[in-house]
C-alpha cells in the first residue's frame, strides 16, 4: 500500500467553535489508535480534496 502524507495542525477548539475553522477552509479531524491517545487536528480542505482526487475515493 502506498503511503500518503497530509499536513495537519493541532486543533484545540471543540464543539461549536469548530465552525470558525470550517469557514476558514479547514476540516476538523481526529487521529486515534489502540495504544495512542486521540489527537484533534485541522486539515486543509483544499489539500484534502487534492489528495482524494489524486489517490481515489475508496480505500
N, C-alpha and C. Protein backbone atom coordinates (compact mmCIF):
# COMPACT_ATOMS: atom_id res chain seq x y z
N UNK A 1 0.84 -1.17 0.00
CA UNK A 1 0.00 0.00 0.00
C UNK A 1 0.89 1.25 0.00
N UNK A 2 0.56 2.22 -0.81
CA UNK A 2 1.32 3.45 -0.94
C UNK A 2 1.04 4.38 0.24
N UNK A 3 2.12 4.95 0.80
CA UNK A 3 1.96 5.91 1.90
C UNK A 3 1.65 7.29 1.32
N UNK A 4 0.74 7.98 1.97
CA UNK A 4 0.33 9.31 1.54
C UNK A 4 0.51 10.26 2.73
N UNK A 5 1.13 11.40 2.49
CA UNK A 5 1.32 12.39 3.54
C UNK A 5 0.30 13.51 3.40
N UNK A 6 -0.23 13.92 4.53
CA UNK A 6 -1.19 15.02 4.57
C UNK A 6 -0.81 15.91 5.74
N UNK A 7 -0.53 17.17 5.46
CA UNK A 7 -0.12 18.10 6.51
C UNK A 7 -1.31 18.46 7.39
N UNK A 8 -1.07 18.49 8.70
CA UNK A 8 -2.14 18.81 9.66
C UNK A 8 -1.58 19.67 10.79
N UNK A 9 -2.47 20.41 11.45
CA UNK A 9 -2.09 21.25 12.59
C UNK A 9 -2.93 20.84 13.79
N UNK A 10 -2.36 20.96 14.97
CA UNK A 10 -3.07 20.63 16.20
C UNK A 10 -4.28 21.54 16.38
N UNK A 11 -5.39 20.95 16.81
CA UNK A 11 -6.64 21.70 17.00
C UNK A 11 -7.02 21.66 18.47
N UNK A 12 -7.25 22.83 19.05
CA UNK A 12 -7.68 22.93 20.44
C UNK A 12 -9.18 23.16 20.57
N UNK A 13 -9.80 23.72 19.52
CA UNK A 13 -11.23 24.02 19.54
C UNK A 13 -12.07 22.74 19.50
N UNK A 14 -13.21 22.80 20.17
CA UNK A 14 -14.15 21.68 20.17
C UNK A 14 -15.56 22.21 20.11
N UNK A 15 -16.50 21.35 19.77
CA UNK A 15 -17.90 21.74 19.75
C UNK A 15 -18.22 22.78 18.70
N UNK A 16 -19.04 23.75 19.05
CA UNK A 16 -19.50 24.77 18.10
C UNK A 16 -18.36 25.66 17.61
N UNK A 17 -17.28 25.78 18.35
CA UNK A 17 -16.14 26.61 17.95
C UNK A 17 -15.45 26.08 16.69
N UNK A 18 -15.67 24.82 16.37
CA UNK A 18 -15.07 24.20 15.19
C UNK A 18 -15.59 24.85 13.91
N UNK A 19 -16.79 25.41 13.95
CA UNK A 19 -17.37 26.04 12.75
C UNK A 19 -16.53 27.19 12.21
N UNK A 20 -15.83 27.91 13.07
CA UNK A 20 -14.97 29.00 12.61
C UNK A 20 -13.85 28.46 11.73
N UNK A 21 -13.30 27.33 12.09
CA UNK A 21 -12.27 26.70 11.28
C UNK A 21 -12.80 26.24 9.94
N UNK A 22 -13.99 25.68 9.95
CA UNK A 22 -14.63 25.24 8.70
C UNK A 22 -14.84 26.42 7.76
N UNK A 23 -15.25 27.55 8.29
CA UNK A 23 -15.46 28.75 7.48
C UNK A 23 -14.14 29.27 6.92
N UNK A 24 -13.03 28.92 7.56
CA UNK A 24 -11.71 29.33 7.09
C UNK A 24 -11.09 28.34 6.12
N UNK A 25 -11.84 27.29 5.75
CA UNK A 25 -11.34 26.31 4.79
C UNK A 25 -10.57 25.16 5.42
N UNK A 26 -10.91 24.84 6.67
CA UNK A 26 -10.24 23.74 7.35
C UNK A 26 -11.24 22.64 7.70
N UNK A 27 -10.74 21.41 7.76
CA UNK A 27 -11.56 20.26 8.13
C UNK A 27 -11.11 19.79 9.51
N UNK A 28 -12.03 19.66 10.47
CA UNK A 28 -11.64 19.10 11.77
C UNK A 28 -11.46 17.59 11.63
N UNK A 29 -10.40 17.07 12.23
CA UNK A 29 -10.13 15.63 12.14
C UNK A 29 -9.65 15.13 13.49
N UNK A 30 -9.76 13.82 13.70
CA UNK A 30 -9.25 13.18 14.92
C UNK A 30 -8.48 11.94 14.51
N UNK A 31 -7.28 11.78 15.07
CA UNK A 31 -6.47 10.59 14.84
C UNK A 31 -6.42 9.83 16.15
N UNK A 32 -6.69 8.54 16.10
CA UNK A 32 -6.65 7.73 17.31
C UNK A 32 -6.25 6.31 16.95
N UNK A 33 -5.81 5.58 17.94
CA UNK A 33 -5.39 4.20 17.72
C UNK A 33 -5.51 3.40 19.00
N UNK A 34 -5.13 2.13 18.90
CA UNK A 34 -5.29 1.21 20.02
C UNK A 34 -4.49 1.66 21.25
N UNK A 35 -3.23 2.00 21.07
CA UNK A 35 -2.39 2.39 22.21
C UNK A 35 -1.96 3.85 22.12
N UNK A 36 -2.76 4.67 21.44
CA UNK A 36 -2.41 6.07 21.22
C UNK A 36 -3.57 6.96 21.68
N UNK A 37 -3.24 8.02 22.38
CA UNK A 37 -4.28 8.97 22.80
C UNK A 37 -4.83 9.71 21.58
N UNK A 38 -6.11 10.03 21.60
CA UNK A 38 -6.74 10.75 20.49
C UNK A 38 -6.12 12.13 20.35
N UNK A 39 -5.95 12.57 19.10
CA UNK A 39 -5.35 13.88 18.81
C UNK A 39 -6.26 14.61 17.85
N UNK A 40 -6.71 15.82 18.23
CA UNK A 40 -7.58 16.64 17.38
C UNK A 40 -6.71 17.48 16.45
N UNK A 41 -7.07 17.50 15.16
CA UNK A 41 -6.27 18.18 14.14
C UNK A 41 -7.12 19.01 13.20
N UNK A 42 -6.46 19.94 12.49
CA UNK A 42 -7.05 20.68 11.38
C UNK A 42 -6.36 20.20 10.11
N UNK A 43 -7.13 19.97 9.05
CA UNK A 43 -6.59 19.61 7.74
C UNK A 43 -7.14 20.61 6.73
N UNK A 44 -6.29 21.06 5.82
CA UNK A 44 -6.72 21.99 4.78
C UNK A 44 -7.74 21.31 3.86
N UNK A 45 -8.88 21.94 3.63
CA UNK A 45 -9.90 21.39 2.74
C UNK A 45 -9.34 21.24 1.33
N UNK A 46 -8.60 22.22 0.87
CA UNK A 46 -8.02 22.18 -0.47
C UNK A 46 -7.03 21.02 -0.62
N UNK A 47 -6.14 20.84 0.36
CA UNK A 47 -5.18 19.73 0.32
C UNK A 47 -5.91 18.39 0.35
N UNK A 48 -6.97 18.29 1.16
CA UNK A 48 -7.71 17.04 1.27
C UNK A 48 -8.39 16.69 -0.06
N UNK A 49 -8.99 17.69 -0.70
CA UNK A 49 -9.64 17.46 -2.00
C UNK A 49 -8.63 17.02 -3.05
N UNK A 50 -7.45 17.63 -3.04
CA UNK A 50 -6.39 17.23 -3.98
C UNK A 50 -5.96 15.80 -3.73
N UNK A 51 -5.82 15.42 -2.46
CA UNK A 51 -5.41 14.07 -2.10
C UNK A 51 -6.45 13.05 -2.57
N UNK A 52 -7.72 13.32 -2.35
CA UNK A 52 -8.78 12.41 -2.78
C UNK A 52 -8.80 12.28 -4.30
N UNK A 53 -8.64 13.39 -4.99
CA UNK A 53 -8.64 13.37 -6.45
C UNK A 53 -7.47 12.55 -6.98
N UNK A 54 -6.32 12.69 -6.34
CA UNK A 54 -5.11 12.01 -6.80
C UNK A 54 -5.13 10.51 -6.48
N UNK A 55 -5.57 10.15 -5.28
CA UNK A 55 -5.48 8.76 -4.84
C UNK A 55 -6.78 7.97 -4.95
N UNK A 56 -7.90 8.61 -5.20
CA UNK A 56 -9.17 7.90 -5.33
C UNK A 56 -10.01 8.04 -4.08
N UNK A 57 -11.28 7.72 -4.21
CA UNK A 57 -12.22 7.91 -3.11
C UNK A 57 -12.38 6.70 -2.21
N UNK A 58 -12.04 5.51 -2.67
CA UNK A 58 -12.23 4.32 -1.83
C UNK A 58 -10.88 3.80 -1.34
N UNK A 59 -10.94 3.09 -0.24
CA UNK A 59 -9.70 2.57 0.36
C UNK A 59 -9.25 1.31 -0.33
